[in-house]
């Protein structure tokens, strides 16, 4: 999702630069939410722009908070499982080291194989857990993104906005708060989710 957001924000930055050029390059006034010159292929001469503040969305969208909590719980359980496996491995290694002097060469070899297998099992399980968490996180990000996009299609079915961007601190130097539709989007998303329950 961060890559998608980065691309969207880069496009937004280019659009802001273009607006800056139009405002100060041609000495013709440009309305805050209107682009007077649209690239070829656009339907309208005046493209209206709005934005969604991602921080506010993440802090106030109930489904996002639920998914985040669920992911954190899964991550915590995974960490607990790995910690328990590591502890078991370390205890068994110490136990076998203490007995090593009294072991026959065959028993020492068996002990080394046991330790190697435990270590390999630990590494494999850790890798599997990392993959499971990554896949779950990716799936949830895609789900949230799809929910937002589907909501915005319905929200903007009247064509009021030509572009709706995401705002993330650090990617824009200036934003006009009158173009912020975040509260409406959060309210709409939360209402949709409460109806689905």
Protein backbone atom coordinates (compact mmCIF):
# COMPACT_ATOMS: atom_id res chain seq x y z
CA UNK A 1 0.00 0.00 0.00
CA UNK A 2 2.89 2.35 0.76
CA UNK A 3 4.15 1.92 -2.83
CA UNK A 4 0.70 2.76 -4.19
CA UNK A 5 0.49 5.76 -1.88
CA UNK A 6 3.96 6.87 -2.90
CA UNK A 7 3.01 6.79 -6.59
CA UNK A 8 -0.23 8.67 -5.89
CA UNK A 9 1.61 11.28 -3.85
CA UNK A 10 4.27 11.73 -6.55
CA UNK A 11 1.50 12.32 -9.11
CA UNK A 12 -0.09 14.77 -6.69
CA UNK A 13 3.23 16.55 -6.21
CA UNK A 14 3.59 16.88 -9.98
CA UNK A 15 0.05 18.23 -10.19
CA UNK A 16 0.79 20.78 -7.44
CA UNK A 17 3.96 21.81 -9.32
CA UNK A 18 1.91 22.21 -12.48
CA UNK A 19 -0.63 24.34 -10.61
CA UNK A 20 2.22 26.43 -9.23
CA UNK A 21 3.54 26.93 -12.75
CA UNK A 22 0.09 27.93 -14.02
CA UNK A 23 -0.42 30.32 -11.12
CA UNK A 24 2.90 32.11 -11.29
CA UNK A 25 4.15 31.34 -14.80
CA UNK A 26 1.25 32.68 -16.84
CA UNK A 27 0.24 35.45 -14.41
CA UNK A 28 -3.35 34.21 -14.80
CA UNK A 29 -5.25 33.45 -11.60
CA UNK A 30 -6.15 29.83 -11.02
CA UNK A 31 -8.88 28.84 -8.58
CA UNK A 32 -7.68 26.77 -5.60
CA UNK A 33 -9.51 23.58 -6.56
CA UNK A 34 -9.53 24.01 -10.32
CA UNK A 35 -6.98 23.15 -12.97
CA UNK A 36 -7.51 25.37 -16.00
CA UNK A 37 -5.51 23.32 -18.43
CA UNK A 38 -6.28 19.59 -18.44
CA UNK A 39 -4.13 16.98 -20.18
CA UNK A 40 -5.61 15.58 -23.40
CA UNK A 41 -8.22 12.89 -22.87
CA UNK A 42 -9.83 14.56 -19.84
CA UNK A 43 -13.61 15.03 -19.93
CA UNK A 44 -13.83 18.51 -18.49
CA UNK A 45 -11.98 21.79 -18.67
CA UNK A 46 -12.13 22.23 -14.90
CA UNK A 47 -10.86 19.28 -12.91
CA UNK A 48 -11.94 19.46 -9.29
CA UNK A 49 -9.57 18.01 -6.75
CA UNK A 50 -10.10 16.72 -3.21
CA UNK A 51 -7.93 14.83 -0.74
CA UNK A 52 -8.17 12.35 2.10
CA UNK A 53 -5.86 12.70 5.09
CA UNK A 54 -4.45 9.20 5.65
CA UNK A 55 -3.52 9.78 9.29
CA UNK A 56 -7.07 10.82 10.13
CA UNK A 57 -8.48 7.93 8.13
CA UNK A 58 -6.27 5.41 9.96
CA UNK A 59 -7.14 6.90 13.34
CA UNK A 60 -10.91 7.08 12.78
CA UNK A 61 -11.90 4.33 10.33
CA UNK A 62 -13.28 1.55 12.54
CA UNK A 63 -12.48 -1.28 10.12
CA UNK A 64 -8.88 -0.14 9.76
CA UNK A 65 -8.48 -0.01 13.55
CA UNK A 66 -10.00 -3.50 13.87
CA UNK A 67 -7.66 -4.93 11.22
CA UNK A 68 -4.66 -3.21 12.79
CA UNK A 69 -5.52 -4.64 16.21
CA UNK A 70 -6.01 -8.09 14.71
CA UNK A 71 -2.64 -7.89 12.95
CA UNK A 72 -0.91 -6.75 16.15
CA UNK A 73 -2.48 -9.68 18.03
CA UNK A 74 -1.31 -12.14 15.39
CA UNK A 75 2.16 -10.59 15.49
CA UNK A 76 2.26 -10.85 19.28
CA UNK A 77 1.20 -14.52 19.25
CA UNK A 78 3.83 -15.24 16.59
CA UNK A 79 6.52 -13.54 18.66
CA UNK A 80 5.44 -15.54 21.72
CA UNK A 81 5.63 -18.79 19.74
CA UNK A 82 9.12 -17.99 18.41
CA UNK A 83 10.32 -16.95 21.88
CA UNK A 84 9.03 -20.24 23.35
CA UNK A 85 10.76 -22.24 20.60
CA UNK A 86 14.03 -20.35 21.16
CA UNK A 87 13.84 -20.96 24.89
CA UNK A 88 13.20 -24.69 24.36
CA UNK A 89 16.12 -24.85 21.92
CA UNK A 90 18.48 -23.06 24.32
CA UNK A 91 17.44 -25.21 27.29
CA UNK A 92 17.96 -28.41 25.32
CA UNK A 93 21.35 -27.21 24.02
CA UNK A 94 22.52 -26.41 27.58
CA UNK A 95 21.21 -29.77 28.79
CA UNK A 96 23.11 -31.66 26.10
CA UNK A 97 26.31 -29.64 26.66
CA UNK A 98 26.23 -30.56 30.34
CA UNK A 99 25.97 -34.27 29.46
CA UNK A 100 28.49 -34.11 26.60
CA UNK A 101 31.50 -35.29 28.63
CA UNK A 102 29.70 -38.47 29.71
CA UNK A 103 28.34 -39.26 26.22
CA UNK A 104 29.72 -41.81 23.82
CA UNK A 105 30.78 -40.57 20.37
CA UNK A 106 27.49 -41.89 18.90
CA UNK A 107 25.44 -40.10 21.58
CA UNK A 108 27.37 -36.86 20.90
CA UNK A 109 26.66 -37.19 17.20
CA UNK A 110 22.96 -37.84 17.91
CA UNK A 111 22.89 -34.82 20.23
CA UNK A 112 24.45 -32.61 17.51
CA UNK A 113 21.86 -33.84 15.00
CA UNK A 114 19.07 -33.11 17.48
CA UNK A 115 20.39 -29.58 18.09
CA UNK A 116 20.81 -28.94 14.35
CA UNK A 117 17.28 -30.19 13.67
CA UNK A 118 15.81 -28.00 16.45
CA UNK A 119 17.69 -24.99 15.07
CA UNK A 120 16.50 -25.72 11.53
CA UNK A 121 12.90 -26.19 12.73
CA UNK A 122 13.12 -22.87 14.57
CA UNK A 123 14.42 -21.06 11.47
CA UNK A 124 11.78 -22.68 9.25
CA UNK A 125 8.95 -21.80 11.63
CA UNK A 126 10.19 -18.22 11.94
CA UNK A 127 10.31 -17.91 8.13
CA UNK A 128 6.80 -19.40 7.82
CA UNK A 129 5.42 -17.02 10.44
CA UNK A 130 7.06 -14.03 8.72
CA UNK A 131 5.53 -15.11 5.40
CA UNK A 132 2.10 -15.65 6.98
CA UNK A 133 2.17 -12.20 8.61
CA UNK A 134 3.38 -10.54 5.42
CA UNK A 135 0.66 -12.22 3.33
CA UNK A 136 -2.03 -11.39 5.87
CA UNK A 137 -0.86 -7.76 6.04
CA UNK A 138 -0.82 -7.47 2.24
CA UNK A 139 -4.29 -9.00 1.96
CA UNK A 140 -5.69 -6.63 4.59
CA UNK A 141 -4.09 -3.57 2.96
CA UNK A 142 -5.60 -4.59 -0.39
CA UNK A 143 -8.97 -5.12 1.30
CA UNK A 144 -8.90 -1.67 2.91
CA UNK A 145 -7.76 -0.03 -0.32
CA UNK A 146 -10.59 -1.75 -2.24
CA UNK A 147 -13.14 -0.65 0.37
CA UNK A 148 -11.96 2.95 0.08
CA UNK A 149 -11.89 2.88 -3.73
CA UNK A 150 -15.37 1.32 -3.94
CA UNK A 151 -16.73 3.87 -1.48
CA UNK A 152 -15.17 6.74 -3.45
CA UNK A 153 -16.68 5.47 -6.73
CA UNK A 154 -20.11 5.66 -5.14
CA UNK A 155 -19.32 8.89 -3.25
CA UNK A 156 -18.23 10.58 -6.47
CA UNK A 157 -20.83 9.06 -8.81
CA UNK A 158 -22.06 12.59 -9.59
CA UNK A 159 -18.59 13.40 -10.96
CA UNK A 160 -18.06 16.28 -8.55
CA UNK A 161 -14.32 15.50 -8.34
CA UNK A 162 -11.94 14.63 -11.13
CA UNK A 163 -9.23 13.52 -8.70
CA UNK A 164 -9.27 12.41 -5.09
CA UNK A 165 -5.78 12.09 -3.65
CA UNK A 166 -4.43 10.74 -0.43
CA UNK A 167 -2.52 13.14 1.79
CA UNK A 168 0.35 11.89 3.88
CA UNK A 169 2.55 14.31 5.87
CA UNK A 170 5.85 14.99 4.17
CA UNK A 171 4.60 14.68 0.59
CA UNK A 172 2.84 18.02 0.20
CA UNK A 173 4.07 21.40 1.22
CA UNK A 174 0.68 23.05 1.11
CA UNK A 175 -2.90 21.83 1.18
CA UNK A 176 -6.12 23.78 1.12
CA UNK A 177 -8.24 22.44 3.96
CA UNK A 178 -11.44 23.28 2.04
CA UNK A 179 -10.55 20.40 -0.30
CA UNK A 180 -10.38 17.91 2.60
CA UNK A 181 -13.16 15.31 2.32
CA UNK A 182 -11.70 13.03 5.00
CA UNK A 183 -14.52 13.44 7.58
CA UNK A 184 -17.18 12.60 4.97
CA UNK A 185 -15.22 9.57 3.76
CA UNK A 186 -14.60 8.26 7.29
CA UNK A 187 -18.26 8.74 8.20
CA UNK A 188 -19.41 6.98 5.03
CA UNK A 189 -16.99 4.06 5.43
CA UNK A 190 -17.95 3.58 9.07
CA UNK A 191 -21.67 3.68 8.19
CA UNK A 192 -21.19 1.04 5.48
CA UNK A 193 -19.30 -1.23 7.89
CA UNK A 194 -21.92 -0.81 10.63
CA UNK A 195 -24.67 -1.82 8.18
CA UNK A 196 -22.72 -4.96 7.16
CA UNK A 197 -22.50 -6.20 10.77
